[in-house]
mmCIF file of all heavy atoms, coordinates in Angstrom:
data_MODEL
# 
_entry.id   MODEL 
# 
loop_
_atom_site.group_PDB 
_atom_site.id 
_atom_site.type_symbol 
_atom_site.label_atom_id 
_atom_site.label_alt_id 
_atom_site.label_comp_id 
_atom_site.label_asym_id 
_atom_site.label_entity_id 
_atom_site.label_seq_id 
_atom_site.pdbx_PDB_ins_code 
_atom_site.Cartn_x 
_atom_site.Cartn_y 
_atom_site.Cartn_z 
_atom_site.occupancy 
_atom_site.B_iso_or_equiv 
_atom_site.pdbx_formal_charge 
_atom_site.auth_seq_id 
_atom_site.auth_comp_id 
_atom_site.auth_asym_id 
_atom_site.auth_atom_id 
_atom_site.pdbx_PDB_model_num 
ATOM 1   N N   . LEU A 1 1  ? -3.215 1.538  -11.089 1.00 0.00 ? 1  LEU A N   1 
ATOM 2   C CA  . LEU A 1 1  ? -2.972 0.413  -10.185 1.00 0.00 ? 1  LEU A CA  1 
ATOM 3   C C   . LEU A 1 1  ? -1.487 0.254  -9.882  1.00 0.00 ? 1  LEU A C   1 
ATOM 4   O O   . LEU A 1 1  ? -1.104 -0.023 -8.733  1.00 0.00 ? 1  LEU A O   1 
ATOM 5   C CB  . LEU A 1 1  ? -3.524 -0.869 -10.804 1.00 0.00 ? 1  LEU A CB  1 
ATOM 6   C CG  . LEU A 1 1  ? -3.249 -2.171 -10.058 1.00 0.00 ? 1  LEU A CG  1 
ATOM 7   C CD1 . LEU A 1 1  ? -3.828 -2.146 -8.649  1.00 0.00 ? 1  LEU A CD1 1 
ATOM 8   C CD2 . LEU A 1 1  ? -3.794 -3.365 -10.842 1.00 0.00 ? 1  LEU A CD2 1 
ATOM 9   N N   . ALA A 1 2  ? -0.643 0.438  -10.880 1.00 0.00 ? 2  ALA A N   1 
ATOM 10  C CA  . ALA A 1 2  ? 0.802  0.295  -10.669 1.00 0.00 ? 2  ALA A CA  1 
ATOM 11  C C   . ALA A 1 2  ? 1.302  1.259  -9.597  1.00 0.00 ? 2  ALA A C   1 
ATOM 12  O O   . ALA A 1 2  ? 2.166  0.910  -8.779  1.00 0.00 ? 2  ALA A O   1 
ATOM 13  C CB  . ALA A 1 2  ? 1.545  0.540  -11.978 1.00 0.00 ? 2  ALA A CB  1 
ATOM 14  N N   . HIS A 1 3  ? 0.761  2.475  -9.573  1.00 0.00 ? 3  HIS A N   1 
ATOM 15  C CA  . HIS A 1 3  ? 1.204  3.460  -8.583  1.00 0.00 ? 3  HIS A CA  1 
ATOM 16  C C   . HIS A 1 3  ? 0.698  3.113  -7.180  1.00 0.00 ? 3  HIS A C   1 
ATOM 17  O O   . HIS A 1 3  ? 1.431  3.268  -6.193  1.00 0.00 ? 3  HIS A O   1 
ATOM 18  C CB  . HIS A 1 3  ? 0.740  4.848  -8.991  1.00 0.00 ? 3  HIS A CB  1 
ATOM 19  C CG  . HIS A 1 3  ? 1.281  5.305  -10.312 1.00 0.00 ? 3  HIS A CG  1 
ATOM 20  N ND1 . HIS A 1 3  ? 2.623  5.268  -10.618 1.00 0.00 ? 3  HIS A ND1 1 
ATOM 21  C CD2 . HIS A 1 3  ? 0.650  5.791  -11.425 1.00 0.00 ? 3  HIS A CD2 1 
ATOM 22  C CE1 . HIS A 1 3  ? 2.807  5.727  -11.850 1.00 0.00 ? 3  HIS A CE1 1 
ATOM 23  N NE2 . HIS A 1 3  ? 1.628  6.044  -12.357 1.00 0.00 ? 3  HIS A NE2 1 
ATOM 24  N N   . ILE A 1 4  ? -0.533 2.636  -7.076  1.00 0.00 ? 4  ILE A N   1 
ATOM 25  C CA  . ILE A 1 4  ? -1.108 2.320  -5.762  1.00 0.00 ? 4  ILE A CA  1 
ATOM 26  C C   . ILE A 1 4  ? -0.493 1.052  -5.174  1.00 0.00 ? 4  ILE A C   1 
ATOM 27  O O   . ILE A 1 4  ? -0.290 0.954  -3.960  1.00 0.00 ? 4  ILE A O   1 
ATOM 28  C CB  . ILE A 1 4  ? -2.638 2.168  -5.884  1.00 0.00 ? 4  ILE A CB  1 
ATOM 29  C CG1 . ILE A 1 4  ? -3.269 3.521  -6.234  1.00 0.00 ? 4  ILE A CG1 1 
ATOM 30  C CG2 . ILE A 1 4  ? -3.247 1.612  -4.608  1.00 0.00 ? 4  ILE A CG2 1 
ATOM 31  C CD1 . ILE A 1 4  ? -3.038 4.605  -5.214  1.00 0.00 ? 4  ILE A CD1 1 
ATOM 32  N N   . ALA A 1 5  ? -0.181 0.079  -6.036  1.00 0.00 ? 5  ALA A N   1 
ATOM 33  C CA  . ALA A 1 5  ? 0.283  -1.235 -5.560  1.00 0.00 ? 5  ALA A CA  1 
ATOM 34  C C   . ALA A 1 5  ? 1.800  -1.342 -5.507  1.00 0.00 ? 5  ALA A C   1 
ATOM 35  O O   . ALA A 1 5  ? 2.340  -2.449 -5.434  1.00 0.00 ? 5  ALA A O   1 
ATOM 36  C CB  . ALA A 1 5  ? -0.293 -2.338 -6.456  1.00 0.00 ? 5  ALA A CB  1 
ATOM 37  N N   . GLU A 1 6  ? 2.502  -0.209 -5.507  1.00 0.00 ? 6  GLU A N   1 
ATOM 38  C CA  . GLU A 1 6  ? 3.960  -0.242 -5.591  1.00 0.00 ? 6  GLU A CA  1 
ATOM 39  C C   . GLU A 1 6  ? 4.597  -1.072 -4.480  1.00 0.00 ? 6  GLU A C   1 
ATOM 40  O O   . GLU A 1 6  ? 5.593  -1.779 -4.704  1.00 0.00 ? 6  GLU A O   1 
ATOM 41  C CB  . GLU A 1 6  ? 4.521  1.175  -5.549  1.00 0.00 ? 6  GLU A CB  1 
ATOM 42  C CG  . GLU A 1 6  ? 6.041  1.227  -5.643  1.00 0.00 ? 6  GLU A CG  1 
ATOM 43  C CD  . GLU A 1 6  ? 6.575  2.635  -5.573  1.00 0.00 ? 6  GLU A CD  1 
ATOM 44  O OE1 . GLU A 1 6  ? 5.819  3.546  -5.183  1.00 0.00 ? 6  GLU A OE1 1 
ATOM 45  O OE2 . GLU A 1 6  ? 7.767  2.821  -5.889  1.00 0.00 ? 6  GLU A OE2 1 
ATOM 46  N N   . SER A 1 7  ? 4.049  -1.042 -3.267  1.00 0.00 ? 7  SER A N   1 
ATOM 47  C CA  . SER A 1 7  ? 4.694  -1.738 -2.145  1.00 0.00 ? 7  SER A CA  1 
ATOM 48  C C   . SER A 1 7  ? 4.632  -3.257 -2.289  1.00 0.00 ? 7  SER A C   1 
ATOM 49  O O   . SER A 1 7  ? 5.491  -3.958 -1.754  1.00 0.00 ? 7  SER A O   1 
ATOM 50  C CB  . SER A 1 7  ? 4.055  -1.312 -0.816  1.00 0.00 ? 7  SER A CB  1 
ATOM 51  O OG  . SER A 1 7  ? 2.696  -1.686 -0.774  1.00 0.00 ? 7  SER A OG  1 
ATOM 52  N N   . ILE A 1 8  ? 3.633  -3.770 -2.996  1.00 0.00 ? 8  ILE A N   1 
ATOM 53  C CA  . ILE A 1 8  ? 3.550  -5.224 -3.175  1.00 0.00 ? 8  ILE A CA  1 
ATOM 54  C C   . ILE A 1 8  ? 3.976  -5.666 -4.574  1.00 0.00 ? 8  ILE A C   1 
ATOM 55  O O   . ILE A 1 8  ? 4.306  -6.834 -4.783  1.00 0.00 ? 8  ILE A O   1 
ATOM 56  C CB  . ILE A 1 8  ? 2.132  -5.759 -2.881  1.00 0.00 ? 8  ILE A CB  1 
ATOM 57  C CG1 . ILE A 1 8  ? 1.110  -5.167 -3.858  1.00 0.00 ? 8  ILE A CG1 1 
ATOM 58  C CG2 . ILE A 1 8  ? 1.739  -5.503 -1.445  1.00 0.00 ? 8  ILE A CG2 1 
ATOM 59  C CD1 . ILE A 1 8  ? -0.251 -5.822 -3.753  1.00 0.00 ? 8  ILE A CD1 1 
ATOM 60  N N   . ALA A 1 9  ? 3.988  -4.739 -5.542  1.00 0.00 ? 9  ALA A N   1 
ATOM 61  C CA  . ALA A 1 9  ? 4.385  -5.066 -6.917  1.00 0.00 ? 9  ALA A CA  1 
ATOM 62  C C   . ALA A 1 9  ? 5.306  -3.969 -7.447  1.00 0.00 ? 9  ALA A C   1 
ATOM 63  O O   . ALA A 1 9  ? 4.953  -3.229 -8.365  1.00 0.00 ? 9  ALA A O   1 
ATOM 64  C CB  . ALA A 1 9  ? 3.147  -5.222 -7.802  1.00 0.00 ? 9  ALA A CB  1 
ATOM 65  N N   . PRO A 1 10 ? 6.507  -3.851 -6.884  1.00 0.00 ? 10 PRO A N   1 
ATOM 66  C CA  . PRO A 1 10 ? 7.377  -2.723 -7.236  1.00 0.00 ? 10 PRO A CA  1 
ATOM 67  C C   . PRO A 1 10 ? 7.814  -2.714 -8.700  1.00 0.00 ? 10 PRO A C   1 
ATOM 68  O O   . PRO A 1 10 ? 8.016  -1.645 -9.280  1.00 0.00 ? 10 PRO A O   1 
ATOM 69  C CB  . PRO A 1 10 ? 8.574  -2.886 -6.292  1.00 0.00 ? 10 PRO A CB  1 
ATOM 70  C CG  . PRO A 1 10 ? 8.560  -4.346 -5.902  1.00 0.00 ? 10 PRO A CG  1 
ATOM 71  C CD  . PRO A 1 10 ? 7.121  -4.725 -5.858  1.00 0.00 ? 10 PRO A CD  1 
ATOM 72  N N   . LYS A 1 11 ? 7.967  -3.891 -9.300  1.00 0.00 ? 11 LYS A N   1 
ATOM 73  C CA  . LYS A 1 11 ? 8.443  -3.925 -10.685 1.00 0.00 ? 11 LYS A CA  1 
ATOM 74  C C   . LYS A 1 11 ? 7.388  -3.415 -11.660 1.00 0.00 ? 11 LYS A C   1 
ATOM 75  O O   . LYS A 1 11 ? 7.728  -2.919 -12.736 1.00 0.00 ? 11 LYS A O   1 
ATOM 76  C CB  . LYS A 1 11 ? 8.881  -5.341 -11.059 1.00 0.00 ? 11 LYS A CB  1 
ATOM 77  C CG  . LYS A 1 11 ? 10.179 -5.772 -10.396 1.00 0.00 ? 11 LYS A CG  1 
ATOM 78  C CD  . LYS A 1 11 ? 10.706 -7.064 -10.977 1.00 0.00 ? 11 LYS A CD  1 
ATOM 79  C CE  . LYS A 1 11 ? 12.066 -7.418 -10.382 1.00 0.00 ? 11 LYS A CE  1 
ATOM 80  N NZ  . LYS A 1 11 ? 12.614 -8.660 -10.969 1.00 0.00 ? 11 LYS A NZ  1 
ATOM 81  N N   . LEU A 1 12 ? 6.122  -3.537 -11.262 1.00 0.00 ? 12 LEU A N   1 
ATOM 82  C CA  . LEU A 1 12 ? 5.055  -3.037 -12.121 1.00 0.00 ? 12 LEU A CA  1 
ATOM 83  C C   . LEU A 1 12 ? 5.187  -1.528 -12.300 1.00 0.00 ? 12 LEU A C   1 
ATOM 84  O O   . LEU A 1 12 ? 5.137  -1.020 -13.423 1.00 0.00 ? 12 LEU A O   1 
ATOM 85  C CB  . LEU A 1 12 ? 3.703  -3.407 -11.513 1.00 0.00 ? 12 LEU A CB  1 
ATOM 86  C CG  . LEU A 1 12 ? 2.460  -3.012 -12.300 1.00 0.00 ? 12 LEU A CG  1 
ATOM 87  C CD1 . LEU A 1 12 ? 2.438  -3.690 -13.661 1.00 0.00 ? 12 LEU A CD1 1 
ATOM 88  C CD2 . LEU A 1 12 ? 1.196  -3.364 -11.512 1.00 0.00 ? 12 LEU A CD2 1 
ATOM 89  N N   . ARG A 1 13 ? 5.344  -0.812 -11.196 1.00 0.00 ? 13 ARG A N   1 
ATOM 90  C CA  . ARG A 1 13 ? 5.506  0.645  -11.302 1.00 0.00 ? 13 ARG A CA  1 
ATOM 91  C C   . ARG A 1 13 ? 6.832  1.009  -11.967 1.00 0.00 ? 13 ARG A C   1 
ATOM 92  O O   . ARG A 1 13 ? 6.913  1.979  -12.736 1.00 0.00 ? 13 ARG A O   1 
ATOM 93  C CB  . ARG A 1 13 ? 5.412  1.303  -9.932  1.00 0.00 ? 13 ARG A CB  1 
ATOM 94  C CG  . ARG A 1 13 ? 5.381  2.828  -9.997  1.00 0.00 ? 13 ARG A CG  1 
ATOM 95  C CD  . ARG A 1 13 ? 5.027  3.444  -8.652  1.00 0.00 ? 13 ARG A CD  1 
ATOM 96  N NE  . ARG A 1 13 ? 4.771  4.874  -8.771  1.00 0.00 ? 13 ARG A NE  1 
ATOM 97  C CZ  . ARG A 1 13 ? 5.684  5.815  -8.593  1.00 0.00 ? 13 ARG A CZ  1 
ATOM 98  N NH1 . ARG A 1 13 ? 6.930  5.484  -8.282  1.00 0.00 ? 13 ARG A NH1 1 
ATOM 99  N NH2 . ARG A 1 13 ? 5.351  7.099  -8.710  1.00 0.00 ? 13 ARG A NH2 1 
ATOM 100 N N   . GLU A 1 14 ? 7.879  0.226  -11.689 1.00 0.00 ? 14 GLU A N   1 
ATOM 101 C CA  . GLU A 1 14 ? 9.170  0.477  -12.337 1.00 0.00 ? 14 GLU A CA  1 
ATOM 102 C C   . GLU A 1 14 ? 9.033  0.374  -13.850 1.00 0.00 ? 14 GLU A C   1 
ATOM 103 O O   . GLU A 1 14 ? 9.593  1.193  -14.596 1.00 0.00 ? 14 GLU A O   1 
ATOM 104 C CB  . GLU A 1 14 ? 10.213 -0.520 -11.830 1.00 0.00 ? 14 GLU A CB  1 
ATOM 105 C CG  . GLU A 1 14 ? 11.594 -0.324 -12.421 1.00 0.00 ? 14 GLU A CG  1 
ATOM 106 C CD  . GLU A 1 14 ? 12.593 -1.370 -11.957 1.00 0.00 ? 14 GLU A CD  1 
ATOM 107 O OE1 . GLU A 1 14 ? 12.259 -2.196 -11.079 1.00 0.00 ? 14 GLU A OE1 1 
ATOM 108 O OE2 . GLU A 1 14 ? 13.721 -1.382 -12.495 1.00 0.00 ? 14 GLU A OE2 1 
ATOM 109 N N   . GLN A 1 15 ? 8.277  -0.621 -14.311 1.00 0.00 ? 15 GLN A N   1 
ATOM 110 C CA  . GLN A 1 15 ? 8.082  -0.785 -15.749 1.00 0.00 ? 15 GLN A CA  1 
ATOM 111 C C   . GLN A 1 15 ? 7.258  0.363  -16.330 1.00 0.00 ? 15 GLN A C   1 
ATOM 112 O O   . GLN A 1 15 ? 7.611  0.934  -17.371 1.00 0.00 ? 15 GLN A O   1 
ATOM 113 C CB  . GLN A 1 15 ? 7.396  -2.117 -16.039 1.00 0.00 ? 15 GLN A CB  1 
ATOM 114 C CG  . GLN A 1 15 ? 7.270  -2.417 -17.531 1.00 0.00 ? 15 GLN A CG  1 
ATOM 115 C CD  . GLN A 1 15 ? 6.572  -3.732 -17.808 1.00 0.00 ? 15 GLN A CD  1 
ATOM 116 O OE1 . GLN A 1 15 ? 5.693  -4.160 -17.052 1.00 0.00 ? 15 GLN A OE1 1 
ATOM 117 N NE2 . GLN A 1 15 ? 6.946  -4.386 -18.903 1.00 0.00 ? 15 GLN A NE2 1 
ATOM 118 N N   . VAL A 1 16 ? 6.159  0.718  -15.668 1.00 0.00 ? 16 VAL A N   1 
ATOM 119 C CA  . VAL A 1 16 ? 5.288  1.789  -16.158 1.00 0.00 ? 16 VAL A CA  1 
ATOM 120 C C   . VAL A 1 16 ? 6.026  3.119  -16.215 1.00 0.00 ? 16 VAL A C   1 
ATOM 121 O O   . VAL A 1 16 ? 5.803  3.930  -17.129 1.00 0.00 ? 16 VAL A O   1 
ATOM 122 C CB  . VAL A 1 16 ? 4.027  1.894  -15.281 1.00 0.00 ? 16 VAL A CB  1 
ATOM 123 C CG1 . VAL A 1 16 ? 3.278  3.199  -15.524 1.00 0.00 ? 16 VAL A CG1 1 
ATOM 124 C CG2 . VAL A 1 16 ? 3.108  0.710  -15.534 1.00 0.00 ? 16 VAL A CG2 1 
ATOM 125 N N   . ASN A 1 17 ? 6.923  3.370  -15.275 1.00 0.00 ? 17 ASN A N   1 
ATOM 126 C CA  . ASN A 1 17 ? 7.646  4.642  -15.233 1.00 0.00 ? 17 ASN A CA  1 
ATOM 127 C C   . ASN A 1 17 ? 9.044  4.559  -15.851 1.00 0.00 ? 17 ASN A C   1 
ATOM 128 O O   . ASN A 1 17 ? 9.842  5.492  -15.694 1.00 0.00 ? 17 ASN A O   1 
ATOM 129 C CB  . ASN A 1 17 ? 7.759  5.146  -13.792 1.00 0.00 ? 17 ASN A CB  1 
ATOM 130 C CG  . ASN A 1 17 ? 6.572  6.007  -13.387 1.00 0.00 ? 17 ASN A CG  1 
ATOM 131 O OD1 . ASN A 1 17 ? 5.705  6.297  -14.202 1.00 0.00 ? 17 ASN A OD1 1 
ATOM 132 N ND2 . ASN A 1 17 ? 6.534  6.413  -12.132 1.00 0.00 ? 17 ASN A ND2 1 
ATOM 133 N N   . SER A 1 18 ? 9.331  3.479  -16.549 1.00 0.00 ? 18 SER A N   1 
ATOM 134 C CA  . SER A 1 18 ? 10.650 3.328  -17.164 1.00 0.00 ? 18 SER A CA  1 
ATOM 135 C C   . SER A 1 18 ? 10.817 4.299  -18.328 1.00 0.00 ? 18 SER A C   1 
ATOM 136 O O   . SER A 1 18 ? 9.824  4.783  -18.898 1.00 0.00 ? 18 SER A O   1 
ATOM 137 C CB  . SER A 1 18 ? 10.829 1.902  -17.668 1.00 0.00 ? 18 SER A CB  1 
ATOM 138 O OG  . SER A 1 18 ? 9.944  1.638  -18.751 1.00 0.00 ? 18 SER A OG  1 
ATOM 139 N N   . PRO A 1 19 ? 12.059 4.600  -18.713 1.00 0.00 ? 19 PRO A N   1 
ATOM 140 C CA  . PRO A 1 19 ? 12.266 5.503  -19.854 1.00 0.00 ? 19 PRO A CA  1 
ATOM 141 C C   . PRO A 1 19 ? 11.567 5.032  -21.122 1.00 0.00 ? 19 PRO A C   1 
ATOM 142 O O   . PRO A 1 19 ? 10.943 5.838  -21.826 1.00 0.00 ? 19 PRO A O   1 
ATOM 143 C CB  . PRO A 1 19 ? 13.792 5.510  -20.012 1.00 0.00 ? 19 PRO A CB  1 
ATOM 144 C CG  . PRO A 1 19 ? 14.313 5.225  -18.644 1.00 0.00 ? 19 PRO A CG  1 
ATOM 145 C CD  . PRO A 1 19 ? 13.340 4.250  -18.044 1.00 0.00 ? 19 PRO A CD  1 
ATOM 146 N N   . ALA A 1 20 ? 11.643 3.742  -21.425 1.00 0.00 ? 20 ALA A N   1 
ATOM 147 C CA  . ALA A 1 20 ? 11.019 3.242  -22.657 1.00 0.00 ? 20 ALA A CA  1 
ATOM 148 C C   . ALA A 1 20 ? 9.508  3.411  -22.617 1.00 0.00 ? 20 ALA A C   1 
ATOM 149 O O   . ALA A 1 20 ? 8.889  3.816  -23.613 1.00 0.00 ? 20 ALA A O   1 
ATOM 150 C CB  . ALA A 1 20 ? 11.389 1.783  -22.887 1.00 0.00 ? 20 ALA A CB  1 
ATOM 151 N N   . ALA A 1 21 ? 8.877  3.099  -21.487 1.00 0.00 ? 21 ALA A N   1 
ATOM 152 C CA  . ALA A 1 21 ? 7.426  3.250  -21.389 1.00 0.00 ? 21 ALA A CA  1 
ATOM 153 C C   . ALA A 1 21 ? 7.029  4.715  -21.579 1.00 0.00 ? 21 ALA A C   1 
ATOM 154 O O   . ALA A 1 21 ? 6.056  5.029  -22.282 1.00 0.00 ? 21 ALA A O   1 
ATOM 155 C CB  . ALA A 1 21 ? 6.931  2.739  -20.043 1.00 0.00 ? 21 ALA A CB  1 
ATOM 156 N N   . ARG A 1 22 ? 7.761  5.617  -20.962 1.00 0.00 ? 22 ARG A N   1 
ATOM 157 C CA  . ARG A 1 22 ? 7.455  7.042  -21.103 1.00 0.00 ? 22 ARG A CA  1 
ATOM 158 C C   . ARG A 1 22 ? 7.569  7.490  -22.561 1.00 0.00 ? 22 ARG A C   1 
ATOM 159 O O   . ARG A 1 22 ? 6.844  8.384  -23.011 1.00 0.00 ? 22 ARG A O   1 
ATOM 160 C CB  . ARG A 1 22 ? 8.412  7.868  -20.235 1.00 0.00 ? 22 ARG A CB  1 
ATOM 161 C CG  . ARG A 1 22 ? 8.226  7.689  -18.729 1.00 0.00 ? 22 ARG A CG  1 
ATOM 162 C CD  . ARG A 1 22 ? 9.386  8.341  -17.979 1.00 0.00 ? 22 ARG A CD  1 
ATOM 163 N NE  . ARG A 1 22 ? 9.305  8.164  -16.552 1.00 0.00 ? 22 ARG A NE  1 
ATOM 164 C CZ  . ARG A 1 22 ? 8.777  9.048  -15.698 1.00 0.00 ? 22 ARG A CZ  1 
ATOM 165 N NH1 . ARG A 1 22 ? 8.253  10.162 -16.162 1.00 0.00 ? 22 ARG A NH1 1 
ATOM 166 N NH2 . ARG A 1 22 ? 8.758  8.812  -14.410 1.00 0.00 ? 22 ARG A NH2 1 
ATOM 167 N N   . GLN A 1 23 ? 8.491  6.880  -23.305 1.00 0.00 ? 23 GLN A N   1 
ATOM 168 C CA  . GLN A 1 23 ? 8.676  7.254  -24.706 1.00 0.00 ? 23 GLN A CA  1 
ATOM 169 C C   . GLN A 1 23 ? 7.641  6.612  -25.620 1.00 0.00 ? 23 GLN A C   1 
ATOM 170 O O   . GLN A 1 23 ? 7.219  7.211  -26.614 1.00 0.00 ? 23 GLN A O   1 
ATOM 171 C CB  . GLN A 1 23 ? 10.079 6.847  -25.167 1.00 0.00 ? 23 GLN A CB  1 
ATOM 172 C CG  . GLN A 1 23 ? 11.194 7.632  -24.494 1.00 0.00 ? 23 GLN A CG  1 
ATOM 173 C CD  . GLN A 1 23 ? 12.563 7.140  -24.910 1.00 0.00 ? 23 GLN A CD  1 
ATOM 174 O OE1 . GLN A 1 23 ? 12.823 5.949  -25.006 1.00 0.00 ? 23 GLN A OE1 1 
ATOM 175 N NE2 . GLN A 1 23 ? 13.460 8.075  -25.194 1.00 0.00 ? 23 GLN A NE2 1 
ATOM 176 N N   . LEU A 1 24 ? 7.227  5.390  -25.296 1.00 0.00 ? 24 LEU A N   1 
ATOM 177 C CA  . LEU A 1 24 ? 6.320  4.656  -26.169 1.00 0.00 ? 24 LEU A CA  1 
ATOM 178 C C   . LEU A 1 24 ? 4.871  5.091  -26.027 1.00 0.00 ? 24 LEU A C   1 
ATOM 179 O O   . LEU A 1 24 ? 4.123  5.131  -27.014 1.00 0.00 ? 24 LEU A O   1 
ATOM 180 C CB  . LEU A 1 24 ? 6.413  3.149  -25.859 1.00 0.00 ? 24 LEU A CB  1 
ATOM 181 C CG  . LEU A 1 24 ? 7.720  2.451  -26.202 1.00 0.00 ? 24 LEU A CG  1 
ATOM 182 C CD1 . LEU A 1 24 ? 7.730  1.044  -25.604 1.00 0.00 ? 24 LEU A CD1 1 
ATOM 183 C CD2 . LEU A 1 24 ? 7.902  2.366  -27.717 1.00 0.00 ? 24 LEU A CD2 1 
ATOM 184 N N   . LEU A 1 25 ? 4.448  5.392  -24.793 1.00 0.00 ? 25 LEU A N   1 
ATOM 185 C CA  . LEU A 1 25 ? 3.037  5.616  -24.530 1.00 0.00 ? 25 LEU A CA  1 
ATOM 186 C C   . LEU A 1 25 ? 2.580  6.987  -25.033 1.00 0.00 ? 25 LEU A C   1 
ATOM 187 O O   . LEU A 1 25 ? 3.211  8.007  -24.769 1.00 0.00 ? 25 LEU A O   1 
ATOM 188 C CB  . LEU A 1 25 ? 2.759  5.512  -23.034 1.00 0.00 ? 25 LEU A CB  1 
ATOM 189 C CG  . LEU A 1 25 ? 2.990  4.128  -22.411 1.00 0.00 ? 25 LEU A CG  1 
ATOM 190 C CD1 . LEU A 1 25 ? 2.704  4.161  -20.924 1.00 0.00 ? 25 LEU A CD1 1 
ATOM 191 C CD2 . LEU A 1 25 ? 2.121  3.080  -23.102 1.00 0.00 ? 25 LEU A CD2 1 
ATOM 192 N N   . ALA A 1 26 ? 1.454  6.986  -25.734 1.00 0.00 ? 26 ALA A N   1 
ATOM 193 C CA  . ALA A 1 26 ? 0.872  8.256  -26.164 1.00 0.00 ? 26 ALA A CA  1 
ATOM 194 C C   . ALA A 1 26 ? 0.457  9.087  -24.961 1.00 0.00 ? 26 ALA A C   1 
ATOM 195 O O   . ALA A 1 26 ? 0.607  10.316 -24.960 1.00 0.00 ? 26 ALA A O   1 
ATOM 196 C CB  . ALA A 1 26 ? -0.319 7.999  -27.071 1.00 0.00 ? 26 ALA A CB  1 
ATOM 197 N N   . LEU A 1 27 ? -0.063 8.417  -23.914 1.00 0.00 ? 27 LEU A N   1 
ATOM 198 C CA  . LEU A 1 27 ? -0.444 9.090  -22.670 1.00 0.00 ? 27 LEU A CA  1 
ATOM 199 C C   . LEU A 1 27 ? 0.130  8.309  -21.495 1.00 0.00 ? 27 LEU A C   1 
ATOM 200 O O   . LEU A 1 27 ? -0.054 7.090  -21.402 1.00 0.00 ? 27 LEU A O   1 
ATOM 201 C CB  . LEU A 1 27 ? -1.963 9.186  -22.537 1.00 0.00 ? 27 LEU A CB  1 
ATOM 202 C CG  . LEU A 1 27 ? -2.687 10.069 -23.555 1.00 0.00 ? 27 LEU A CG  1 
ATOM 203 C CD1 . LEU A 1 27 ? -4.195 10.003 -23.337 1.00 0.00 ? 27 LEU A CD1 1 
ATOM 204 C CD2 . LEU A 1 27 ? -2.191 11.512 -23.500 1.00 0.00 ? 27 LEU A CD2 1 
# 
């Protein structure tokens, strides 16, 4: 959802693709 809704919720995708999220998430 974060990727599809980027135009209306840009911070959501920014958070999901942030360096910390990439490091924390198992997948």
